[in-house]
Amino acid sequence: MNFILVNGRTPRARFFCALCGESIRESYLREIGTQLCYCDHVCYADHCRSAVMALVKGARPSLVAAVAPSPSQSFSTT
């Protein structure tokens, strides 16, 4: 989580919050890696939380595939 907090300066171009779509004003956060702007720390935190949840949901099928037995394994019931 790397970001820059900008106070008292509006961006040169017209920017909107990457999460809620509000116009960026004098104070905003800019994520260093993606250069996305967020109107405040709440939107930035919500964006990070939703990204983590997407990763968790995406990782779940791979975890199941890694733990599930392969079709070549046979189980004897005798």
N, C-alpha and C. Protein backbone atom coordinates (compact mmCIF):
# COMPACT_ATOMS: atom_id res chain seq x y z
N MET A 1 0.85 -1.16 0.00
CA MET A 1 0.00 0.00 0.00
C MET A 1 0.90 1.23 0.00
N ASN A 2 1.11 1.79 -1.17
CA ASN A 2 1.90 3.01 -1.31
C ASN A 2 1.05 4.08 -1.94
N PHE A 3 0.95 5.22 -1.25
CA PHE A 3 0.16 6.31 -1.79
C PHE A 3 0.76 7.64 -1.39
N ILE A 4 0.33 8.68 -2.08
CA ILE A 4 0.75 10.05 -1.78
C ILE A 4 -0.50 10.82 -1.38
N LEU A 5 -0.44 11.53 -0.27
CA LEU A 5 -1.54 12.39 0.16
C LEU A 5 -1.23 13.79 -0.33
N VAL A 6 -2.14 14.34 -1.11
CA VAL A 6 -1.94 15.68 -1.67
C VAL A 6 -2.92 16.63 -1.01
N ASN A 7 -2.42 17.70 -0.43
CA ASN A 7 -3.25 18.72 0.22
C ASN A 7 -3.03 20.06 -0.44
N GLY A 8 -4.12 20.79 -0.68
CA GLY A 8 -4.04 22.15 -1.17
C GLY A 8 -3.62 22.29 -2.62
N ARG A 9 -3.80 21.24 -3.41
CA ARG A 9 -3.45 21.34 -4.83
C ARG A 9 -4.39 20.46 -5.64
N THR A 10 -4.99 21.02 -6.65
CA THR A 10 -5.83 20.23 -7.54
C THR A 10 -4.98 19.77 -8.72
N PRO A 11 -5.28 18.61 -9.29
CA PRO A 11 -4.51 18.16 -10.45
C PRO A 11 -4.74 19.09 -11.64
N ARG A 12 -3.77 19.16 -12.54
CA ARG A 12 -3.91 20.03 -13.72
C ARG A 12 -5.09 19.63 -14.58
N ALA A 13 -5.17 18.36 -14.89
CA ALA A 13 -6.30 17.87 -15.67
C ALA A 13 -7.45 17.54 -14.73
N ARG A 14 -8.63 17.43 -15.28
CA ARG A 14 -9.80 17.11 -14.45
C ARG A 14 -9.80 15.60 -14.18
N PHE A 15 -9.69 15.23 -12.90
CA PHE A 15 -9.66 13.84 -12.50
C PHE A 15 -10.88 13.51 -11.66
N PHE A 16 -11.23 12.23 -11.66
CA PHE A 16 -12.35 11.74 -10.86
C PHE A 16 -11.86 10.59 -10.00
N CYS A 17 -12.51 10.40 -8.86
CA CYS A 17 -12.17 9.32 -7.94
C CYS A 17 -12.32 7.99 -8.66
N ALA A 18 -11.33 7.13 -8.52
CA ALA A 18 -11.36 5.83 -9.18
C ALA A 18 -12.45 4.92 -8.62
N LEU A 19 -12.93 5.19 -7.40
CA LEU A 19 -13.94 4.33 -6.81
C LEU A 19 -15.35 4.91 -6.94
N CYS A 20 -15.56 6.13 -6.46
CA CYS A 20 -16.92 6.68 -6.41
C CYS A 20 -17.25 7.62 -7.57
N GLY A 21 -16.24 8.09 -8.29
CA GLY A 21 -16.48 8.94 -9.45
C GLY A 21 -16.63 10.42 -9.16
N GLU A 22 -16.47 10.83 -7.89
CA GLU A 22 -16.56 12.25 -7.57
C GLU A 22 -15.37 13.00 -8.14
N SER A 23 -15.57 14.28 -8.42
CA SER A 23 -14.50 15.12 -8.94
C SER A 23 -13.42 15.31 -7.87
N ILE A 24 -12.16 15.24 -8.27
CA ILE A 24 -11.04 15.43 -7.35
C ILE A 24 -10.90 16.91 -7.05
N ARG A 25 -10.79 17.24 -5.77
CA ARG A 25 -10.68 18.64 -5.35
C ARG A 25 -9.28 18.91 -4.84
N GLU A 26 -9.15 19.76 -3.84
CA GLU A 26 -7.84 20.19 -3.35
C GLU A 26 -7.08 19.13 -2.57
N SER A 27 -7.77 18.21 -1.95
CA SER A 27 -7.11 17.14 -1.18
C SER A 27 -7.53 15.80 -1.74
N TYR A 28 -6.56 14.95 -2.03
CA TYR A 28 -6.86 13.64 -2.59
C TYR A 28 -5.69 12.71 -2.36
N LEU A 29 -5.89 11.42 -2.63
CA LEU A 29 -4.83 10.43 -2.55
C LEU A 29 -4.53 9.93 -3.95
N ARG A 30 -3.27 9.70 -4.22
CA ARG A 30 -2.86 9.13 -5.50
C ARG A 30 -2.05 7.88 -5.19
N GLU A 31 -2.48 6.74 -5.75
CA GLU A 31 -1.74 5.50 -5.56
C GLU A 31 -0.50 5.54 -6.45
N ILE A 32 0.65 5.22 -5.87
CA ILE A 32 1.91 5.33 -6.59
C ILE A 32 2.00 4.33 -7.74
N GLY A 33 1.64 3.08 -7.51
CA GLY A 33 1.80 2.05 -8.53
C GLY A 33 0.92 2.24 -9.75
N THR A 34 -0.32 2.63 -9.54
CA THR A 34 -1.27 2.75 -10.65
C THR A 34 -1.53 4.18 -11.08
N GLN A 35 -1.14 5.16 -10.27
CA GLN A 35 -1.39 6.58 -10.50
C GLN A 35 -2.88 6.92 -10.46
N LEU A 36 -3.70 6.05 -9.86
CA LEU A 36 -5.12 6.33 -9.72
C LEU A 36 -5.35 7.32 -8.60
N CYS A 37 -6.36 8.19 -8.75
CA CYS A 37 -6.69 9.18 -7.74
C CYS A 37 -7.94 8.76 -6.98
N TYR A 38 -7.95 9.04 -5.69
CA TYR A 38 -9.10 8.77 -4.83
C TYR A 38 -9.43 10.04 -4.08
N CYS A 39 -10.74 10.31 -3.90
CA CYS A 39 -11.15 11.58 -3.30
C CYS A 39 -10.79 11.67 -1.82
N ASP A 40 -10.70 10.53 -1.12
CA ASP A 40 -10.30 10.55 0.28
C ASP A 40 -9.80 9.17 0.70
N HIS A 41 -9.39 9.07 1.96
CA HIS A 41 -8.82 7.82 2.45
C HIS A 41 -9.86 6.71 2.54
N VAL A 42 -11.13 7.07 2.68
CA VAL A 42 -12.19 6.05 2.78
C VAL A 42 -12.34 5.32 1.44
N CYS A 43 -12.37 6.06 0.35
CA CYS A 43 -12.48 5.43 -0.98
C CYS A 43 -11.24 4.59 -1.27
N TYR A 44 -10.07 5.07 -0.89
CA TYR A 44 -8.85 4.30 -1.12
C TYR A 44 -8.88 2.99 -0.34
N ALA A 45 -9.30 3.05 0.92
CA ALA A 45 -9.37 1.84 1.75
C ALA A 45 -10.41 0.87 1.19
N ASP A 46 -11.55 1.37 0.73
CA ASP A 46 -12.58 0.50 0.15
C ASP A 46 -12.07 -0.16 -1.12
N HIS A 47 -11.31 0.58 -1.92
CA HIS A 47 -10.74 0.01 -3.14
C HIS A 47 -9.76 -1.11 -2.80
N CYS A 48 -8.91 -0.89 -1.81
CA CYS A 48 -7.94 -1.92 -1.39
C CYS A 48 -8.66 -3.14 -0.85
N ARG A 49 -9.70 -2.93 -0.07
CA ARG A 49 -10.46 -4.03 0.50
C ARG A 49 -11.12 -4.86 -0.60
N SER A 50 -11.70 -4.20 -1.60
CA SER A 50 -12.36 -4.93 -2.68
C SER A 50 -11.35 -5.68 -3.54
N ALA A 51 -10.14 -5.14 -3.70
CA ALA A 51 -9.10 -5.82 -4.47
C ALA A 51 -8.65 -7.09 -3.74
N VAL A 52 -8.53 -7.02 -2.44
CA VAL A 52 -8.13 -8.20 -1.65
C VAL A 52 -9.21 -9.26 -1.73
N MET A 53 -10.47 -8.86 -1.64
CA MET A 53 -11.56 -9.83 -1.73
C MET A 53 -11.59 -10.50 -3.10
N ALA A 54 -11.30 -9.76 -4.16
CA ALA A 54 -11.26 -10.34 -5.50
C ALA A 54 -10.14 -11.37 -5.60
N LEU A 55 -9.01 -11.07 -4.98
CA LEU A 55 -7.91 -12.03 -4.99
C LEU A 55 -8.26 -13.29 -4.21
N VAL A 56 -8.93 -13.12 -3.08
CA VAL A 56 -9.31 -14.27 -2.26
C VAL A 56 -10.31 -15.14 -3.03
N LYS A 57 -11.29 -14.52 -3.65
CA LYS A 57 -12.28 -15.29 -4.41
C LYS A 57 -11.63 -15.96 -5.62
N GLY A 58 -10.68 -15.32 -6.25
CA GLY A 58 -9.99 -15.90 -7.39
C GLY A 58 -9.06 -17.02 -6.99
N ALA A 59 -8.53 -16.97 -5.79
CA ALA A 59 -7.59 -17.99 -5.33
C ALA A 59 -8.31 -19.24 -4.85
N ARG A 60 -9.54 -19.13 -4.48
CA ARG A 60 -10.28 -20.26 -3.93
C ARG A 60 -10.36 -21.44 -4.91
N PRO A 61 -10.69 -21.27 -6.20
CA PRO A 61 -10.73 -22.43 -7.10
C PRO A 61 -9.37 -23.10 -7.25
N SER A 62 -8.27 -22.33 -7.27
CA SER A 62 -6.96 -22.96 -7.39
C SER A 62 -6.62 -23.75 -6.14
N LEU A 63 -7.03 -23.26 -4.99
CA LEU A 63 -6.78 -23.98 -3.74
C LEU A 63 -7.53 -25.31 -3.76
N VAL A 64 -8.76 -25.29 -4.23
CA VAL A 64 -9.56 -26.51 -4.30
C VAL A 64 -8.91 -27.49 -5.27
N ALA A 65 -8.42 -27.01 -6.40
CA ALA A 65 -7.77 -27.89 -7.38
C ALA A 65 -6.49 -28.49 -6.82
N ALA A 66 -5.79 -27.75 -6.00
CA ALA A 66 -4.54 -28.25 -5.42
C ALA A 66 -4.80 -29.30 -4.35
N VAL A 67 -5.91 -29.18 -3.63
CA VAL A 67 -6.21 -30.08 -2.53
C VAL A 67 -7.00 -31.30 -2.99
N ALA A 68 -7.81 -31.16 -4.03
CA ALA A 68 -8.67 -32.25 -4.50
C ALA A 68 -7.83 -33.37 -5.11
N PRO A 69 -8.27 -34.61 -4.95
CA PRO A 69 -7.52 -35.72 -5.55
C PRO A 69 -7.62 -35.68 -7.07
N SER A 70 -6.58 -36.14 -7.71
CA SER A 70 -6.59 -36.15 -9.17
C SER A 70 -7.45 -37.31 -9.66
N PRO A 71 -7.97 -37.22 -10.90
CA PRO A 71 -8.83 -38.30 -11.42
C PRO A 71 -8.10 -39.63 -11.54
N SER A 72 -6.77 -39.62 -11.63
CA SER A 72 -6.03 -40.88 -11.76
C SER A 72 -5.97 -41.66 -10.46
N GLN A 73 -6.22 -40.99 -9.34
CA GLN A 73 -6.22 -41.69 -8.06
C GLN A 73 -7.54 -42.45 -7.91
N SER A 74 -7.46 -43.70 -7.55
CA SER A 74 -8.69 -44.47 -7.36
C SER A 74 -8.78 -44.86 -5.88
N PHE A 75 -9.99 -44.89 -5.42
CA PHE A 75 -10.22 -45.25 -4.03
C PHE A 75 -10.93 -46.60 -3.99
N SER A 76 -10.41 -47.49 -3.22
CA SER A 76 -10.99 -48.83 -3.11
C SER A 76 -12.00 -48.85 -1.97
N THR A 77 -13.14 -49.46 -2.22
CA THR A 77 -14.16 -49.56 -1.18
C THR A 77 -14.30 -50.98 -0.65
N THR A 78 -13.30 -51.83 -0.93
CA THR A 78 -13.36 -53.21 -0.47
C THR A 78 -12.76 -53.42 0.88
